Amino acid sequence: MFGELIALLTTVCWSIGIFPFTEAAKRLGTASLNQYRLFLAWIVISIIILIFYPVSVAGLFTIPQSNQYLFLGLSGIIGFTIGDYFSFSSFKILGPKLGSLYTTIAPGSALLAGFLILHESINFIGVIGIFVTIAGVIWLTLSKKDTAASEEAGFKRNPLGILFGIIGALCQGVGLVLSKLGMDAYEEKLPTLHAVWIRLLFAFGAAFLVSLVTGRMKQNSVPVFKNQNNGVPFMFLGTLFGPVLGVSFSLMAIQHLPVATAQTIFALLPIVVLPINYFYYKEKITIQSIFACAIAVLGVFILIWRDLILAWT
């Protein structure tokens, strides 16, 4: 029971984190938010390792092999730097309700990426699960009643926001597979916190490098250092609930639960977002949004059904 509660707490933290990140994206700009929240998250994870796991500090530089740095680095860049940039852009345009629903595409993306990169098997029922999830996402996206409710709350249903949501979910799925490849590259598996530290290191490094090369460093930094529209507190809150508490609780959950069971509870994120979104943005909860979220989550359950059966037997 403890593991289930921690997994649910993880989902709640991630759900809460979406809202300050959405506000920070609107106030600071998506590029500024993504660049500096990655750096902030890396600092906090470094402090956690230093305080709670001081013995493993040296291992950050001695345990990982070159291939692990390569795959985890790519995972951080694709999943965090690129994927989260597009996800935040999607939240900013579409709103947390629909934006969070697009995250349910990520497990399907991970399945396909695992098939192409890791040569993992893919089954017919898994494909059905992907299509069920996509059906739920499409239903809510095209719902006229839900579109009206979103517009009343200040959000739009436009093709750019939809495209950003899809790209973000695809990148997060690929990033997960690359992360697994990096952690399992050698017989001695890399400690999870070490992997997170490496992913964040490469992620914020890539964000700052792109900012320098494109000449946008000043443009991305000024809103943060000037606390434009009071956006920095929202960035801190989002980082606290997302990359810090969310990641930490997810690691704890996986230690006490089979991965498939934990993934099942994590997939409830869009459903948890619905009531929070209602109270925060006063966006109406329509019948369409409830059923669309339920269908999308059902698709995730179908996708990982074999792992769930093995975990519960």
C-alpha atoms as a PDB file:
ATOM      1  CA  MET A   1       0.000   0.000   0.000  1.00  0.00           C
ATOM      2  CA  PHE A   2       2.914   2.356   0.748  1.00  0.00           C
ATOM      3  CA  GLY A   3       4.212   2.063  -2.804  1.00  0.00           C
ATOM      4  CA  GLU A   4       0.785   2.848  -4.311  1.00  0.00           C
ATOM      5  CA  LEU A   5       0.449   5.943  -2.110  1.00  0.00           C
ATOM      6  CA  ILE A   6       3.908   7.195  -3.123  1.00  0.00           C
ATOM      7  CA  ALA A   7       3.107   6.600  -6.817  1.00  0.00           C
ATOM      8  CA  LEU A   8      -0.141   8.536  -6.427  1.00  0.00           C
ATOM      9  CA  LEU A   9       1.768  11.314  -4.652  1.00  0.00           C
ATOM     10  CA  THR A  10       4.143  11.378  -7.633  1.00  0.00           C
ATOM     11  CA  THR A  11       1.213  11.870 -10.010  1.00  0.00           C
ATOM     12  CA  VAL A  12      -0.212  14.636  -7.823  1.00  0.00           C
ATOM     13  CA  CYS A  13       3.159  16.434  -7.717  1.00  0.00           C
ATOM     14  CA  TRP A  14       3.557  16.246 -11.492  1.00  0.00           C
ATOM     15  CA  SER A  15      -0.029  17.426 -11.946  1.00  0.00           C
ATOM     16  CA  ILE A  16       0.473  20.406  -9.630  1.00  0.00           C
ATOM     17  CA  GLY A  17       3.794  21.248 -11.300  1.00  0.00           C
ATOM     18  CA  ILE A  18       2.086  21.747 -14.677  1.00  0.00           C
ATOM     19  CA  PHE A  19       0.262  24.854 -13.444  1.00  0.00           C
ATOM     20  CA  PRO A  20       3.192  26.978 -12.182  1.00  0.00           C
ATOM     21  CA  PHE A  21       5.139  25.924 -15.300  1.00  0.00           C
ATOM     22  CA  THR A  22       2.228  27.090 -17.473  1.00  0.00           C
ATOM     23  CA  GLU A  23       2.194  30.449 -15.672  1.00  0.00           C
ATOM     24  CA  ALA A  24       5.987  30.756 -15.861  1.00  0.00           C
ATOM     25  CA  ALA A  25       5.911  30.021 -19.615  1.00  0.00           C
ATOM     26  CA  LYS A  26       3.358  32.794 -20.134  1.00  0.00           C
ATOM     27  CA  ARG A  27       5.283  35.301 -17.982  1.00  0.00           C
ATOM     28  CA  LEU A  28       8.934  34.488 -18.775  1.00  0.00           C
ATOM     29  CA  GLY A  29       8.685  32.820 -22.179  1.00  0.00           C
ATOM     30  CA  THR A  30       9.102  29.110 -22.876  1.00  0.00           C
ATOM     31  CA  ALA A  31      12.800  29.284 -23.846  1.00  0.00           C
ATOM     32  CA  SER A  32      13.741  31.222 -20.689  1.00  0.00           C
ATOM     33  CA  LEU A  33      11.735  28.891 -18.472  1.00  0.00           C
ATOM     34  CA  ASN A  34      13.123  25.691 -19.976  1.00  0.00           C
ATOM     35  CA  GLN A  35      16.727  26.894 -19.892  1.00  0.00           C
ATOM     36  CA  TYR A  36      16.794  28.048 -16.287  1.00  0.00           C
ATOM     37  CA  ARG A  37      14.477  25.496 -14.693  1.00  0.00           C
ATOM     38  CA  LEU A  38      16.764  22.718 -16.040  1.00  0.00           C
ATOM     39  CA  PHE A  39      19.756  24.445 -14.464  1.00  0.00           C
ATOM     40  CA  LEU A  40      17.831  24.927 -11.206  1.00  0.00           C
ATOM     41  CA  ALA A  41      16.709  21.285 -11.160  1.00  0.00           C
ATOM     42  CA  TRP A  42      20.297  20.119 -11.744  1.00  0.00           C
ATOM     43  CA  ILE A  43      21.512  22.222  -8.803  1.00  0.00           C
ATOM     44  CA  VAL A  44      18.812  20.833  -6.490  1.00  0.00           C
ATOM     45  CA  ILE A  45      19.497  17.199  -7.526  1.00  0.00           C
ATOM     46  CA  SER A  46      23.228  17.843  -6.964  1.00  0.00           C
ATOM     47  CA  ILE A  47      22.491  19.120  -3.451  1.00  0.00           C
ATOM     48  CA  ILE A  48      20.273  16.092  -2.712  1.00  0.00           C
ATOM     49  CA  ILE A  49      23.054  13.703  -3.770  1.00  0.00           C
ATOM     50  CA  LEU A  50      25.645  15.680  -1.807  1.00  0.00           C
ATOM     51  CA  ILE A  51      23.583  15.716   1.408  1.00  0.00           C
ATOM     52  CA  PHE A  52      21.843  12.335   1.386  1.00  0.00           C
ATOM     53  CA  TYR A  53      24.288  10.244  -0.677  1.00  0.00           C
ATOM     54  CA  PRO A  54      27.727  11.794  -0.027  1.00  0.00           C
ATOM     55  CA  VAL A  55      29.464   8.455  -0.625  1.00  0.00           C
ATOM     56  CA  SER A  56      28.139   8.356  -4.204  1.00  0.00           C
ATOM     57  CA  VAL A  57      29.356  11.856  -5.187  1.00  0.00           C
ATOM     58  CA  ALA A  58      32.642  10.541  -6.591  1.00  0.00           C
ATOM     59  CA  GLY A  59      30.687   7.935  -8.500  1.00  0.00           C
ATOM     60  CA  LEU A  60      29.077  10.660 -10.599  1.00  0.00           C
ATOM     61  CA  PHE A  61      32.361  10.883 -12.506  1.00  0.00           C
ATOM     62  CA  THR A  62      33.867   7.409 -12.047  1.00  0.00           C
ATOM     63  CA  ILE A  63      30.996   4.903 -12.352  1.00  0.00           C
ATOM     64  CA  PRO A  64      29.352   5.935 -15.663  1.00  0.00           C
ATOM     65  CA  GLN A  65      31.023   4.660 -18.820  1.00  0.00           C
ATOM     66  CA  SER A  66      31.329   6.612 -22.070  1.00  0.00           C
ATOM     67  CA  ASN A  67      28.290   4.914 -23.645  1.00  0.00           C
ATOM     68  CA  GLN A  68      26.212   5.717 -20.599  1.00  0.00           C
ATOM     69  CA  TYR A  69      27.152   9.384 -20.845  1.00  0.00           C
ATOM     70  CA  LEU A  70      26.287   9.267 -24.554  1.00  0.00           C
ATOM     71  CA  PHE A  71      22.841   7.692 -24.230  1.00  0.00           C
ATOM     72  CA  LEU A  72      21.863   9.502 -21.020  1.00  0.00           C
ATOM     73  CA  GLY A  73      23.092  12.776 -22.499  1.00  0.00           C
ATOM     74  CA  LEU A  74      20.997  12.237 -25.629  1.00  0.00           C
ATOM     75  CA  SER A  75      18.082  11.258 -23.397  1.00  0.00           C
ATOM     76  CA  GLY A  76      18.370  14.509 -21.453  1.00  0.00           C
ATOM     77  CA  ILE A  77      18.613  16.625 -24.607  1.00  0.00           C
ATOM     78  CA  ILE A  78      15.717  14.912 -26.411  1.00  0.00           C
ATOM     79  CA  GLY A  79      13.483  14.360 -23.380  1.00  0.00           C
ATOM     80  CA  PHE A  80      14.128  17.489 -21.292  1.00  0.00           C
ATOM     81  CA  THR A  81      15.606  20.175 -23.545  1.00  0.00           C
ATOM     82  CA  ILE A  82      13.503  19.515 -26.654  1.00  0.00           C
ATOM     83  CA  GLY A  83      10.554  17.519 -25.322  1.00  0.00           C
ATOM     84  CA  ASP A  84       9.761  19.725 -22.339  1.00  0.00           C
ATOM     85  CA  TYR A  85      10.212  22.878 -24.430  1.00  0.00           C
ATOM     86  CA  PHE A  86       7.442  21.751 -26.755  1.00  0.00           C
ATOM     87  CA  SER A  87       5.306  20.440 -23.875  1.00  0.00           C
ATOM     88  CA  PHE A  88       5.505  23.794 -22.055  1.00  0.00           C
ATOM     89  CA  SER A  89       4.651  25.565 -25.302  1.00  0.00           C
ATOM     90  CA  SER A  90       1.645  23.265 -25.626  1.00  0.00           C
ATOM     91  CA  PHE A  91       0.497  23.964 -22.034  1.00  0.00           C
ATOM     92  CA  LYS A  92       0.839  27.696 -22.704  1.00  0.00           C
ATOM     93  CA  ILE A  93      -1.395  27.541 -25.798  1.00  0.00           C
ATOM     94  CA  LEU A  94      -3.818  24.672 -25.133  1.00  0.00           C
ATOM     95  CA  GLY A  95      -3.956  24.859 -21.344  1.00  0.00           C
ATOM     96  CA  PRO A  96      -3.067  22.205 -18.752  1.00  0.00           C
ATOM     97  CA  LYS A  97      -6.192  20.077 -19.354  1.00  0.00           C
ATOM     98  CA  LEU A  98      -5.621  19.250 -23.021  1.00  0.00           C
ATOM     99  CA  GLY A  99      -1.833  19.686 -22.795  1.00  0.00           C
ATOM    100  CA  SER A 100      -1.597  17.032 -20.070  1.00  0.00           C
ATOM    101  CA  LEU A 101      -3.721  14.662 -22.149  1.00  0.00           C
ATOM    102  CA  TYR A 102      -1.100  14.727 -24.904  1.00  0.00           C
ATOM    103  CA  THR A 103       1.426  13.308 -22.415  1.00  0.00           C
ATOM    104  CA  THR A 104      -0.459   9.984 -22.593  1.00  0.00           C
ATOM    105  CA  ILE A 105       1.013   9.561 -26.090  1.00  0.00           C
ATOM    106  CA  ALA A 106       4.495   9.218 -24.546  1.00  0.00           C
ATOM    107  CA  PRO A 107       4.137   5.511 -23.517  1.00  0.00           C
ATOM    108  CA  GLY A 108       3.167   4.637 -27.101  1.00  0.00           C
ATOM    109  CA  SER A 109       6.136   6.627 -28.363  1.00  0.00           C
ATOM    110  CA  ALA A 110       8.374   4.720 -25.939  1.00  0.00           C
ATOM    111  CA  LEU A 111       6.979   1.402 -27.217  1.00  0.00           C
ATOM    112  CA  LEU A 112       7.743   2.286 -30.843  1.00  0.00           C
ATOM    113  CA  ALA A 113      11.162   3.713 -29.961  1.00  0.00           C
ATOM    114  CA  GLY A 114      11.954   0.569 -27.967  1.00  0.00           C
ATOM    115  CA  PHE A 115      11.060  -1.513 -31.019  1.00  0.00           C
ATOM    116  CA  LEU A 116      13.277   0.568 -33.345  1.00  0.00           C
ATOM    117  CA  ILE A 117      16.215   1.265 -30.995  1.00  0.00           C
ATOM    118  CA  LEU A 118      16.280  -1.654 -28.539  1.00  0.00           C
ATOM    119  CA  HIS A 119      14.647  -4.227 -30.867  1.00  0.00           C
ATOM    120  CA  GLU A 120      12.042  -4.968 -28.204  1.00  0.00           C
ATOM    121  CA  SER A 121       8.978  -6.930 -29.247  1.00  0.00           C
ATOM    122  CA  ILE A 122       5.786  -5.108 -30.110  1.00  0.00           C
ATOM    123  CA  ASN A 123       2.413  -6.850 -29.903  1.00  0.00           C
ATOM    124  CA  PHE A 124      -0.946  -6.301 -31.557  1.00  0.00           C
ATOM    125  CA  ILE A 125      -2.697  -5.442 -28.275  1.00  0.00           C
ATOM    126  CA  GLY A 126      -0.044  -2.812 -27.588  1.00  0.00           C
ATOM    127  CA  VAL A 127      -0.801  -1.205 -30.945  1.00  0.00           C
ATOM    128  CA  ILE A 128      -4.508  -1.202 -30.059  1.00  0.00           C
ATOM    129  CA  GLY A 129      -3.626   0.580 -26.824  1.00  0.00           C
ATOM    130  CA  ILE A 130      -1.784   3.296 -28.786  1.00  0.00           C
ATOM    131  CA  PHE A 131      -4.796   3.856 -31.052  1.00  0.00           C
ATOM    132  CA  VAL A 132      -7.208   3.951 -28.088  1.00  0.00           C
ATOM    133  CA  THR A 133      -5.064   6.634 -26.427  1.00  0.00           C
ATOM    134  CA  ILE A 134      -4.874   8.651 -29.644  1.00  0.00           C
ATOM    135  CA  ALA A 135      -8.674   8.349 -30.025  1.00  0.00           C
ATOM    136  CA  GLY A 136      -9.171   9.898 -26.570  1.00  0.00           C
ATOM    137  CA  VAL A 137      -6.779  12.746 -27.372  1.00  0.00           C
ATOM    138  CA  ILE A 138      -8.443  13.435 -30.740  1.00  0.00           C
ATOM    139  CA  TRP A 139     -11.915  13.366 -29.195  1.00  0.00           C
ATOM    140  CA  LEU A 140     -11.101  16.090 -26.660  1.00  0.00           C
ATOM    141  CA  THR A 141      -9.152  18.122 -29.224  1.00  0.00           C
ATOM    142  CA  LEU A 142     -12.126  18.232 -31.628  1.00  0.00           C
ATOM    143  CA  SER A 143     -14.850  18.645 -28.996  1.00  0.00           C
ATOM    144  CA  LYS A 144     -16.659  21.941 -29.666  1.00  0.00           C
ATOM    145  CA  LYS A 145     -18.126  22.173 -26.153  1.00  0.00           C
ATOM    146  CA  ASP A 146     -14.741  21.609 -24.534  1.00  0.00           C
ATOM    147  CA  THR A 147     -13.114  24.076 -26.950  1.00  0.00           C
ATOM    148  CA  ALA A 148     -15.588  26.737 -25.821  1.00  0.00           C
ATOM    149  CA  ALA A 149     -14.821  25.989 -22.157  1.00  0.00           C
ATOM    150  CA  SER A 150     -11.078  26.306 -22.819  1.00  0.00           C
ATOM    151  CA  GLU A 151     -11.470  29.602 -24.673  1.00  0.00           C
ATOM    152  CA  GLU A 152     -13.447  31.017 -21.739  1.00  0.00           C
ATOM    153  CA  ALA A 153     -10.424  30.194 -19.544  1.00  0.00           C
ATOM    154  CA  GLY A 154      -8.062  32.007 -21.951  1.00  0.00           C
ATOM    155  CA  PHE A 155      -6.662  29.067 -23.945  1.00  0.00           C
ATOM    156  CA  LYS A 156      -6.890  28.221 -27.644  1.00  0.00           C
ATOM    157  CA  ARG A 157      -7.207  25.081 -29.740  1.00  0.00           C
ATOM    158  CA  ASN A 158      -4.881  25.860 -32.611  1.00  0.00           C
ATOM    159  CA  PRO A 159      -2.756  23.576 -34.836  1.00  0.00           C
ATOM    160  CA  LEU A 160       0.523  24.903 -33.420  1.00  0.00           C
ATOM    161  CA  GLY A 161      -0.382  23.961 -29.843  1.00  0.00           C
ATOM    162  CA  ILE A 162      -1.514  20.523 -30.997  1.00  0.00           C
ATOM    163  CA  LEU A 163       1.715  20.000 -32.960  1.00  0.00           C
ATOM    164  CA  PHE A 164       3.791  21.082 -29.931  1.00  0.00           C
ATOM    165  CA  GLY A 165       1.915  18.615 -27.700  1.00  0.00           C
ATOM    166  CA  ILE A 166       2.555  15.734 -30.087  1.00  0.00           C
ATOM    167  CA  ILE A 167       6.266  16.577 -30.520  1.00  0.00           C
ATOM    168  CA  GLY A 168       6.702  16.928 -26.753  1.00  0.00           C
ATOM    169  CA  ALA A 169       5.150  13.512 -26.068  1.00  0.00           C
ATOM    170  CA  LEU A 170       7.148  11.814 -28.842  1.00  0.00           C
ATOM    171  CA  CYS A 171      10.415  13.266 -27.518  1.00  0.00           C
ATOM    172  CA  GLN A 172       9.627  12.203 -23.946  1.00  0.00           C
ATOM    173  CA  GLY A 173       8.977   8.634 -25.102  1.00  0.00           C
ATOM    174  CA  VAL A 174      12.240   8.493 -27.057  1.00  0.00           C
ATOM    175  CA  GLY A 175      14.083  10.083 -24.133  1.00  0.00           C
ATOM    176  CA  LEU A 176      12.790   7.357 -21.801  1.00  0.00           C
ATOM    177  CA  VAL A 177      14.087   4.604 -24.091  1.00  0.00           C
ATOM    178  CA  LEU A 178      17.507   6.258 -24.436  1.00  0.00           C
ATOM    179  CA  SER A 179      17.626   6.644 -20.671  1.00  0.00           C
ATOM    180  CA  LYS A 180      16.961   2.921 -20.223  1.00  0.00           C
ATOM    181  CA  LEU A 181      19.645   2.153 -22.789  1.00  0.00           C
ATOM    182  CA  GLY A 182      22.130   4.320 -20.885  1.00  0.00           C
ATOM    183  CA  MET A 183      21.337   2.857 -17.486  1.00  0.00           C
ATOM    184  CA  ASP A 184      21.514  -0.741 -18.734  1.00  0.00           C
ATOM    185  CA  ALA A 185      24.533  -0.299 -21.029  1.00  0.00           C
ATOM    186  CA  TYR A 186      26.734  -2.388 -18.735  1.00  0.00           C
ATOM    187  CA  GLU A 187      26.183  -5.285 -16.353  1.00  0.00           C
ATOM    188  CA  GLU A 188      26.555  -2.960 -13.365  1.00  0.00           C
ATOM    189  CA  LYS A 189      23.481  -0.739 -13.610  1.00  0.00           C
ATOM    190  CA  LEU A 190      23.916   2.961 -12.986  1.00  0.00           C
ATOM    191  CA  PRO A 191      22.213   4.357  -9.834  1.00  0.00           C
ATOM    192  CA  THR A 192      19.028   6.162 -10.830  1.00  0.00           C
ATOM    193  CA  LEU A 193      19.919   9.511  -9.216  1.00  0.00           C
ATOM    194  CA  HIS A 194      23.242   9.447 -11.088  1.00  0.00           C
ATOM    195  CA  ALA A 195      21.325   8.959 -14.331  1.00  0.00           C
ATOM    196  CA  VAL A 196      18.990  11.871 -13.539  1.00  0.00           C
ATOM    197  CA  TRP A 197      21.996  14.061 -12.696  1.00  0.00           C
ATOM    198  CA  ILE A 198      23.677  13.255 -16.033  1.00  0.00           C
ATOM    199  CA  ARG A 199      20.450  13.798 -18.001  1.00  0.00           C
ATOM    200  CA  LEU A 200      19.909  17.205 -16.406  1.00  0.00           C
ATOM    201  CA  LEU A 201      23.574  18.161 -16.891  1.00  0.00           C
ATOM    202  CA  PHE A 202      23.398  17.565 -20.635  1.00  0.00           C
ATOM    203  CA  ALA A 203      19.884  19.023 -20.857  1.00  0.00           C
ATOM    204  CA  PHE A 204      20.683  22.409 -19.358  1.00  0.00           C
ATOM    205  CA  GLY A 205      24.085  22.419 -21.090  1.00  0.00           C
ATOM    206  CA  ALA A 206      22.375  21.960 -24.468  1.00  0.00           C
ATOM    207  CA  ALA A 207      19.804  24.656 -23.672  1.00  0.00           C
ATOM    208  CA  PHE A 208      22.517  27.169 -22.757  1.00  0.00           C
ATOM    209  CA  LEU A 209      24.619  26.199 -25.804  1.00  0.00           C
ATOM    210  CA  VAL A 210      21.693  26.748 -28.190  1.00  0.00           C
ATOM    211  CA  SER A 211      21.017  30.058 -26.464  1.00  0.00           C
ATOM    212  CA  LEU A 212      24.646  31.137 -26.984  1.00  0.00           C
ATOM    213  CA  VAL A 213      24.904  29.966 -30.606  1.00  0.00           C
ATOM    214  CA  THR A 214      21.659  31.647 -31.630  1.00  0.00           C
ATOM    215  CA  GLY A 215      22.557  34.867 -29.808  1.00  0.00           C
ATOM    216  CA  ARG A 216      19.550  34.604 -27.492  1.00  0.00           C
ATOM    217  CA  MET A 217      21.398  34.303 -24.165  1.00  0.00           C
ATOM    218  CA  LYS A 218      20.582  37.862 -23.095  1.00  0.00           C
ATOM    219  CA  GLN A 219      17.030  37.600 -24.407  1.00  0.00           C
ATOM    220  CA  ASN A 220      16.460  34.370 -22.446  1.00  0.00           C
ATOM    221  CA  SER A 221      18.215  35.568 -19.291  1.00  0.00           C
ATOM    222  CA  VAL A 222      16.748  39.046 -18.825  1.00  0.00           C
ATOM    223  CA  PRO A 223      13.176  37.857 -18.040  1.00  0.00           C
ATOM    224  CA  VAL A 224      14.524  35.524 -15.340  1.00  0.00           C
ATOM    225  CA  PHE A 225      16.943  37.949 -13.694  1.00  0.00           C
ATOM    226  CA  LYS A 226      14.378  40.779 -13.833  1.00  0.00           C
ATOM    227  CA  ASN A 227      11.640  38.440 -12.578  1.00  0.00           C
ATOM    228  CA  GLN A 228       9.446  39.515 -15.483  1.00  0.00           C
ATOM    229  CA  ASN A 229       5.754  39.595 -14.536  1.00  0.00           C
ATOM    230  CA  ASN A 230       6.707  37.873 -11.264  1.00  0.00           C
ATOM    231  CA  GLY A 231       7.358  34.659 -13.197  1.00  0.00           C
ATOM    232  CA  VAL A 232      10.386  33.374 -11.251  1.00  0.00           C
ATOM    233  CA  PRO A 233       8.389  32.157  -8.194  1.00  0.00           C
ATOM    234  CA  PHE A 234       6.256  30.082 -10.586  1.00  0.00           C
ATOM    235  CA  MET A 235       9.417  28.641 -12.139  1.00  0.00           C
ATOM    236  CA  PHE A 236      10.688  27.670  -8.667  1.00  0.00           C
ATOM    237  CA  LEU A 237       7.362  26.073  -7.713  1.00  0.00           C
ATOM    238  CA  GLY A 238       7.182  24.129 -10.970  1.00  0.00           C
ATOM    239  CA  THR A 239      10.741  22.895 -10.536  1.00  0.00           C
ATOM    240  CA  LEU A 240      10.031  21.890  -6.933  1.00  0.00           C
ATOM    241  CA  PHE A 241       6.913  19.866  -7.761  1.00  0.00           C
ATOM    242  CA  GLY A 242       8.141  18.512 -11.116  1.00  0.00           C
ATOM    243  CA  PRO A 243      11.828  17.585 -11.542  1.00  0.00           C
ATOM    244  CA  VAL A 244      12.599  17.562  -7.785  1.00  0.00           C
ATOM    245  CA  LEU A 245       9.678  16.098  -5.773  1.00  0.00           C
ATOM    246  CA  GLY A 246       8.108  14.321  -8.744  1.00  0.00           C
ATOM    247  CA  VAL A 247      11.331  12.588  -9.779  1.00  0.00           C
ATOM    248  CA  SER A 248      12.275  11.750  -6.177  1.00  0.00           C
ATOM    249  CA  PHE A 249       8.865  10.229  -5.370  1.00  0.00           C
ATOM    250  CA  SER A 250       8.824   8.326  -8.674  1.00  0.00           C
ATOM    251  CA  LEU A 251      12.151   6.712  -7.797  1.00  0.00           C
ATOM    252  CA  MET A 252      10.810   5.800  -4.360  1.00  0.00           C
ATOM    253  CA  ALA A 253       7.634   4.361  -5.906  1.00  0.00           C
ATOM    254  CA  ILE A 254       9.576   2.162  -8.313  1.00  0.00           C
ATOM    255  CA  GLN A 255      11.601   0.824  -5.374  1.00  0.00           C
ATOM    256  CA  HIS A 256       8.376  -0.400  -3.708  1.00  0.00           C
ATOM    257  CA  LEU A 257       6.301  -1.312  -6.769  1.00  0.00           C
ATOM    258  CA  PRO A 258       6.699  -3.154 -10.067  1.00  0.00           C
ATOM    259  CA  VAL A 259       7.423  -0.623 -12.816  1.00  0.00           C
ATOM    260  CA  ALA A 260       4.204  -1.461 -14.696  1.00  0.00           C
ATOM    261  CA  THR A 261       2.062  -0.777 -11.620  1.00  0.00           C
ATOM    262  CA  ALA A 262       3.825   2.536 -11.051  1.00  0.00           C
ATOM    263  CA  GLN A 263       3.349   3.491 -14.724  1.00  0.00           C
ATOM    264  CA  THR A 264      -0.349   2.725 -14.413  1.00  0.00           C
ATOM    265  CA  ILE A 265      -0.724   5.172 -11.535  1.00  0.00           C
ATOM    266  CA  PHE A 266       1.469   7.797 -13.256  1.00  0.00           C
ATOM    267  CA  ALA A 267      -0.828   7.583 -16.305  1.00  0.00           C
ATOM    268  CA  LEU A 268      -3.675   9.027 -14.185  1.00  0.00           C
ATOM    269  CA  LEU A 269      -2.077  12.486 -14.539  1.00  0.00           C
ATOM    270  CA  PRO A 270      -4.693  13.959 -16.962  1.00  0.00           C
ATOM    271  CA  ILE A 271      -7.512  12.875 -14.635  1.00  0.00           C
ATOM    272  CA  VAL A 272      -5.795  14.465 -11.601  1.00  0.00           C
ATOM    273  CA  VAL A 273      -5.245  17.658 -13.632  1.00  0.00           C
ATOM    274  CA  LEU A 274      -8.982  18.081 -14.347  1.00  0.00           C
ATOM    275  CA  PRO A 275     -10.138  19.222 -10.852  1.00  0.00           C
ATOM    276  CA  ILE A 276      -6.960  21.273 -10.248  1.00  0.00           C
ATOM    277  CA  ASN A 277      -7.502  23.010 -13.581  1.00  0.00           C
ATOM    278  CA  TYR A 278     -11.114  23.753 -12.631  1.00  0.00           C
ATOM    279  CA  PHE A 279     -10.144  25.474  -9.383  1.00  0.00           C
ATOM    280  CA  TYR A 280      -7.073  27.263 -10.782  1.00  0.00           C
ATOM    281  CA  TYR A 281      -8.245  28.476 -14.204  1.00  0.00           C
ATOM    282  CA  LYS A 282     -12.005  28.092 -13.608  1.00  0.00           C
ATOM    283  CA  GLU A 283     -12.177  25.962 -16.775  1.00  0.00           C
ATOM    284  CA  LYS A 284     -15.367  23.904 -16.807  1.00  0.00           C
ATOM    285  CA  ILE A 285     -15.109  20.121 -16.555  1.00  0.00           C
ATOM    286  CA  THR A 286     -17.152  18.858 -19.486  1.00  0.00           C
ATOM    287  CA  ILE A 287     -18.501  15.344 -19.963  1.00  0.00           C
ATOM    288  CA  GLN A 288     -16.313  15.131 -23.063  1.00  0.00           C
ATOM    289  CA  SER A 289     -13.142  15.886 -21.080  1.00  0.00           C
ATOM    290  CA  ILE A 290     -13.940  13.210 -18.485  1.00  0.00           C
ATOM    291  CA  PHE A 291     -14.586  10.504 -21.072  1.00  0.00           C
ATOM    292  CA  ALA A 292     -11.654  11.563 -23.291  1.00  0.00           C
ATOM    293  CA  CYS A 293      -9.225  11.392 -20.342  1.00  0.00           C
ATOM    294  CA  ALA A 294     -10.658   8.022 -19.281  1.00  0.00           C
ATOM    295  CA  ILE A 295     -10.250   6.645 -22.825  1.00  0.00           C
ATOM    296  CA  ALA A 296      -6.676   7.934 -23.135  1.00  0.00           C
ATOM    297  CA  VAL A 297      -5.716   6.405 -19.775  1.00  0.00           C
ATOM    298  CA  LEU A 298      -7.438   3.154 -20.753  1.00  0.00           C
ATOM    299  CA  GLY A 299      -5.226   3.078 -23.840  1.00  0.00           C
ATOM    300  CA  VAL A 300      -2.142   3.272 -21.607  1.00  0.00           C
ATOM    301  CA  PHE A 301      -3.487   0.392 -19.492  1.00  0.00           C
ATOM    302  CA  ILE A 302      -3.989  -1.716 -22.627  1.00  0.00           C
ATOM    303  CA  LEU A 303      -0.503  -0.796 -23.823  1.00  0.00           C
ATOM    304  CA  ILE A 304       1.168  -2.228 -20.718  1.00  0.00           C
ATOM    305  CA  TRP A 305      -1.410  -4.922 -19.907  1.00  0.00           C
ATOM    306  CA  ARG A 306       1.062  -7.827 -20.038  1.00  0.00           C
ATOM    307  CA  ASP A 307       3.415  -6.165 -17.551  1.00  0.00           C
ATOM    308  CA  LEU A 308       0.465  -5.406 -15.277  1.00  0.00           C
ATOM    309  CA  ILE A 309      -0.672  -9.043 -15.261  1.00  0.00           C
ATOM    310  CA  LEU A 310       2.857 -10.197 -14.406  1.00  0.00           C
ATOM    311  CA  ALA A 311       3.105  -7.565 -11.655  1.00  0.00           C
ATOM    312  CA  TRP A 312      -0.207  -8.480 -10.033  1.00  0.00           C
ATOM    313  CA  THR A 313       0.189 -12.300 -10.170  1.00  0.00           C
END
